[in-house]
N, C-alpha and C. Protein backbone atom coordinates (compact mmCIF):
# COMPACT_ATOMS: atom_id res chain seq x y z
N UNK A 1 109.10 117.50 100.01
CA UNK A 1 107.80 118.11 100.12
C UNK A 1 106.76 117.16 99.53
N UNK A 2 105.69 116.92 100.25
CA UNK A 2 104.62 116.05 99.77
C UNK A 2 103.64 116.86 98.92
N UNK A 3 103.30 116.33 97.78
CA UNK A 3 102.36 116.97 96.88
C UNK A 3 100.95 116.47 97.15
N UNK A 4 99.99 117.38 97.06
CA UNK A 4 98.58 117.00 97.16
C UNK A 4 98.16 116.46 95.80
N UNK A 5 97.40 115.38 95.78
CA UNK A 5 96.96 114.78 94.53
C UNK A 5 95.46 115.01 94.38
N UNK A 6 95.10 115.59 93.24
CA UNK A 6 93.69 115.86 92.93
C UNK A 6 93.32 115.16 91.63
N UNK A 7 92.09 114.72 91.54
CA UNK A 7 91.57 114.11 90.32
C UNK A 7 90.49 115.02 89.74
N UNK A 8 90.54 115.26 88.44
CA UNK A 8 89.41 115.93 87.80
C UNK A 8 88.28 114.90 87.72
N UNK A 9 87.04 115.36 87.58
CA UNK A 9 85.89 114.45 87.59
C UNK A 9 85.99 113.38 86.51
N UNK A 10 86.43 113.75 85.32
CA UNK A 10 86.52 112.77 84.23
C UNK A 10 87.56 111.69 84.55
N UNK A 11 88.64 112.04 85.23
CA UNK A 11 89.66 111.04 85.59
C UNK A 11 89.11 110.06 86.63
N UNK A 12 88.31 110.54 87.57
CA UNK A 12 87.68 109.63 88.54
C UNK A 12 86.77 108.65 87.83
N UNK A 13 86.02 109.14 86.85
CA UNK A 13 85.13 108.29 86.07
C UNK A 13 85.93 107.25 85.29
N UNK A 14 87.03 107.68 84.69
CA UNK A 14 87.88 106.77 83.91
C UNK A 14 88.49 105.70 84.80
N UNK A 15 88.89 106.07 86.01
CA UNK A 15 89.44 105.11 86.95
C UNK A 15 88.41 104.04 87.28
N UNK A 16 87.15 104.43 87.38
CA UNK A 16 86.07 103.49 87.67
C UNK A 16 85.86 102.46 86.58
N UNK A 17 86.38 102.71 85.38
CA UNK A 17 86.25 101.77 84.28
C UNK A 17 87.22 100.60 84.34
N UNK A 18 88.15 100.62 85.29
CA UNK A 18 89.11 99.53 85.44
C UNK A 18 88.57 98.52 86.45
N UNK A 19 89.07 97.29 86.36
CA UNK A 19 88.73 96.25 87.34
C UNK A 19 89.24 96.69 88.71
N UNK A 20 88.65 96.16 89.77
CA UNK A 20 88.99 96.56 91.14
C UNK A 20 90.48 96.37 91.45
N UNK A 21 91.06 95.25 91.05
CA UNK A 21 92.48 95.03 91.36
C UNK A 21 93.37 95.99 90.57
N UNK A 22 92.96 96.35 89.36
CA UNK A 22 93.72 97.34 88.58
C UNK A 22 93.63 98.71 89.24
N UNK A 23 92.43 99.08 89.70
CA UNK A 23 92.24 100.37 90.38
C UNK A 23 93.15 100.50 91.59
N UNK A 24 93.23 99.44 92.38
CA UNK A 24 94.07 99.46 93.58
C UNK A 24 95.53 99.72 93.18
N UNK A 25 96.01 99.04 92.14
CA UNK A 25 97.38 99.23 91.69
C UNK A 25 97.63 100.62 91.14
N UNK A 26 96.65 101.15 90.41
CA UNK A 26 96.78 102.49 89.83
C UNK A 26 96.85 103.54 90.94
N UNK A 27 95.94 103.46 91.89
CA UNK A 27 95.91 104.43 92.99
C UNK A 27 97.19 104.33 93.82
N UNK A 28 97.65 103.11 94.09
CA UNK A 28 98.89 102.93 94.86
C UNK A 28 100.08 103.54 94.11
N UNK A 29 100.13 103.36 92.79
CA UNK A 29 101.23 103.93 92.01
C UNK A 29 101.15 105.45 91.99
N UNK A 30 99.95 105.99 91.87
CA UNK A 30 99.79 107.45 91.89
C UNK A 30 100.29 108.01 93.21
N UNK A 31 99.85 107.41 94.31
CA UNK A 31 100.27 107.90 95.63
C UNK A 31 101.77 107.71 95.84
N UNK A 32 102.30 106.57 95.43
CA UNK A 32 103.71 106.30 95.65
C UNK A 32 104.65 107.08 94.75
N UNK A 33 104.26 107.24 93.50
CA UNK A 33 105.14 107.88 92.52
C UNK A 33 104.99 109.40 92.45
N UNK A 34 103.78 109.90 92.70
CA UNK A 34 103.53 111.32 92.44
C UNK A 34 103.45 112.18 93.69
N UNK A 35 103.46 111.58 94.89
CA UNK A 35 103.41 112.42 96.09
C UNK A 35 104.71 113.15 96.36
N UNK A 36 105.81 112.61 95.86
CA UNK A 36 107.12 113.24 96.03
C UNK A 36 107.83 113.28 94.68
N UNK A 37 108.33 114.42 94.32
CA UNK A 37 109.10 114.61 93.09
C UNK A 37 108.38 114.16 91.82
N UNK A 38 107.17 114.64 91.56
CA UNK A 38 106.46 114.23 90.36
C UNK A 38 107.06 114.78 89.06
N UNK A 39 107.96 115.75 89.19
CA UNK A 39 108.59 116.34 88.00
C UNK A 39 109.93 115.70 87.65
N UNK A 40 110.27 114.63 88.35
CA UNK A 40 111.51 113.91 88.07
C UNK A 40 111.19 112.72 87.18
N UNK A 41 111.85 112.64 86.02
CA UNK A 41 111.62 111.51 85.13
C UNK A 41 112.17 110.25 85.77
N UNK A 42 111.46 109.15 85.56
CA UNK A 42 111.85 107.85 86.09
C UNK A 42 111.46 106.78 85.06
N UNK A 43 111.71 105.55 85.40
CA UNK A 43 111.43 104.46 84.47
C UNK A 43 109.97 104.45 84.01
N UNK A 44 109.05 104.70 84.91
CA UNK A 44 107.62 104.66 84.58
C UNK A 44 106.97 106.04 84.55
N UNK A 45 107.78 107.08 84.56
CA UNK A 45 107.24 108.44 84.62
C UNK A 45 108.05 109.30 83.66
N UNK A 46 107.33 109.97 82.72
CA UNK A 46 108.08 110.77 81.76
C UNK A 46 107.32 112.02 81.34
N UNK A 47 108.10 112.99 80.93
CA UNK A 47 107.57 114.23 80.38
C UNK A 47 107.24 113.97 78.91
N UNK A 48 106.08 114.40 78.47
CA UNK A 48 105.63 114.14 77.10
C UNK A 48 105.87 115.34 76.19
N UNK A 49 105.90 115.05 74.91
CA UNK A 49 105.91 116.14 73.93
C UNK A 49 104.58 116.88 74.07
N UNK A 50 104.51 118.12 73.62
CA UNK A 50 103.24 118.85 73.72
C UNK A 50 102.10 118.07 73.06
N UNK A 51 101.00 117.95 73.79
CA UNK A 51 99.82 117.24 73.31
C UNK A 51 98.59 117.84 73.95
N UNK A 52 97.42 117.34 73.59
CA UNK A 52 96.17 117.92 74.09
C UNK A 52 95.68 117.32 75.41
N UNK A 53 96.41 116.33 75.93
CA UNK A 53 95.94 115.67 77.15
C UNK A 53 96.66 116.19 78.39
N UNK A 54 97.97 116.01 78.45
CA UNK A 54 98.72 116.39 79.65
C UNK A 54 100.22 116.41 79.35
N UNK A 55 100.97 117.14 80.18
CA UNK A 55 102.42 117.19 79.97
C UNK A 55 103.20 116.00 80.54
N UNK A 56 102.59 115.22 81.46
CA UNK A 56 103.29 114.12 82.10
C UNK A 56 102.49 112.84 82.02
N UNK A 57 103.21 111.70 82.00
CA UNK A 57 102.58 110.38 81.96
C UNK A 57 103.22 109.47 82.99
N UNK A 58 102.38 108.72 83.70
CA UNK A 58 102.82 107.68 84.61
C UNK A 58 102.30 106.36 84.06
N UNK A 59 103.19 105.41 83.85
CA UNK A 59 102.80 104.09 83.35
C UNK A 59 102.62 103.14 84.54
N UNK A 60 101.46 102.47 84.55
CA UNK A 60 101.16 101.48 85.59
C UNK A 60 100.62 100.26 84.85
N UNK A 61 101.49 99.28 84.60
CA UNK A 61 101.17 98.12 83.77
C UNK A 61 100.59 98.60 82.45
N UNK A 62 99.35 98.25 82.12
CA UNK A 62 98.78 98.70 80.84
C UNK A 62 98.05 100.03 80.97
N UNK A 63 97.96 100.56 82.18
CA UNK A 63 97.28 101.84 82.40
C UNK A 63 98.25 102.99 82.18
N UNK A 64 97.70 104.11 81.75
CA UNK A 64 98.47 105.35 81.58
C UNK A 64 97.74 106.44 82.34
N UNK A 65 98.46 107.08 83.25
CA UNK A 65 97.91 108.17 84.06
C UNK A 65 98.55 109.46 83.55
N UNK A 66 97.71 110.39 83.11
CA UNK A 66 98.20 111.66 82.57
C UNK A 66 97.95 112.74 83.61
N UNK A 67 98.99 113.53 83.88
CA UNK A 67 98.88 114.51 84.95
C UNK A 67 99.66 115.78 84.65
N UNK A 68 99.35 116.79 85.46
CA UNK A 68 100.06 118.07 85.40
C UNK A 68 100.43 118.44 86.83
N UNK A 69 101.46 119.23 86.98
CA UNK A 69 101.92 119.66 88.30
C UNK A 69 101.78 121.17 88.38
N UNK A 70 101.08 121.61 89.41
CA UNK A 70 100.90 123.04 89.66
C UNK A 70 101.67 123.36 90.93
N UNK A 71 102.60 124.26 90.81
CA UNK A 71 103.39 124.64 91.98
C UNK A 71 102.52 125.52 92.88
N UNK A 72 102.65 125.48 94.17
CA UNK A 72 103.80 124.93 94.84
C UNK A 72 103.73 123.42 95.07
N UNK A 73 102.55 122.81 95.23
CA UNK A 73 102.58 121.39 95.59
C UNK A 73 101.29 120.66 95.27
N UNK A 74 100.83 120.72 94.02
CA UNK A 74 99.61 120.03 93.64
C UNK A 74 99.83 119.26 92.36
N UNK A 75 99.44 117.99 92.37
CA UNK A 75 99.44 117.16 91.17
C UNK A 75 97.99 116.95 90.79
N UNK A 76 97.64 117.28 89.54
CA UNK A 76 96.27 117.10 89.07
C UNK A 76 96.24 115.96 88.06
N UNK A 77 95.47 114.93 88.37
CA UNK A 77 95.31 113.80 87.46
C UNK A 77 94.24 114.21 86.45
N UNK A 78 94.64 114.29 85.18
CA UNK A 78 93.76 114.79 84.13
C UNK A 78 93.05 113.69 83.34
N UNK A 79 93.67 112.54 83.19
CA UNK A 79 93.07 111.44 82.43
C UNK A 79 93.75 110.14 82.80
N UNK A 80 92.99 109.04 82.66
CA UNK A 80 93.54 107.70 82.88
C UNK A 80 93.04 106.83 81.74
N UNK A 81 93.98 106.22 81.04
CA UNK A 81 93.63 105.39 79.90
C UNK A 81 94.27 104.04 79.96
N UNK A 82 93.97 103.23 78.95
CA UNK A 82 94.51 101.88 78.87
C UNK A 82 95.25 101.72 77.56
N UNK A 83 96.46 101.20 77.64
CA UNK A 83 97.27 100.96 76.46
C UNK A 83 97.06 99.51 76.04
N UNK A 84 96.68 99.32 74.78
CA UNK A 84 96.53 97.99 74.21
C UNK A 84 97.37 97.93 72.94
N UNK A 85 98.43 97.16 73.02
CA UNK A 85 99.44 97.11 71.96
C UNK A 85 100.00 98.50 71.76
N UNK A 86 99.83 99.09 70.59
CA UNK A 86 100.38 100.44 70.38
C UNK A 86 99.30 101.50 70.33
N UNK A 87 98.13 101.20 70.89
CA UNK A 87 97.02 102.15 70.88
C UNK A 87 96.62 102.50 72.31
N UNK A 88 96.24 103.76 72.50
CA UNK A 88 95.79 104.25 73.79
C UNK A 88 94.29 104.49 73.72
N UNK A 89 93.57 103.98 74.73
CA UNK A 89 92.13 104.17 74.80
C UNK A 89 91.78 104.89 76.10
N UNK A 90 90.99 105.94 75.98
CA UNK A 90 90.46 106.64 77.14
C UNK A 90 88.95 106.64 76.98
N UNK A 91 88.27 106.06 77.96
CA UNK A 91 86.82 105.89 77.93
C UNK A 91 86.36 105.20 76.64
N UNK A 92 87.12 104.20 76.24
CA UNK A 92 86.75 103.41 75.08
C UNK A 92 87.06 104.02 73.73
N UNK A 93 87.58 105.23 73.71
CA UNK A 93 87.90 105.90 72.45
C UNK A 93 89.41 105.91 72.24
N UNK A 94 89.83 105.61 71.01
CA UNK A 94 91.25 105.63 70.70
C UNK A 94 91.73 107.09 70.67
N UNK A 95 92.85 107.33 71.34
CA UNK A 95 93.40 108.68 71.46
C UNK A 95 94.78 108.70 70.83
N UNK A 96 95.05 109.74 70.06
CA UNK A 96 96.37 109.96 69.47
C UNK A 96 97.07 111.02 70.30
N UNK A 97 98.27 110.73 70.75
CA UNK A 97 99.04 111.73 71.49
C UNK A 97 99.86 112.57 70.54
């Protein structure tokens, strides 16, 4: 079953903060990884401990895509950040998970 992918407004804005080539890779990974079986853990996709951002994370190079899955078939992209060393930044602010 193919899942519909939706972005909240803040996630679209956060995606715009990446360079064009990074955006292309992020969007391609979202479409490729999350359109089918987004609830299956994989090398770059994992379920997170409870936090204030999202229950799932997709890693795309240094980018982190945080999402939730609403059944029957919708993936909502809630936030997109950048990992630098051991710190996560979303819209330039350091975030603790």
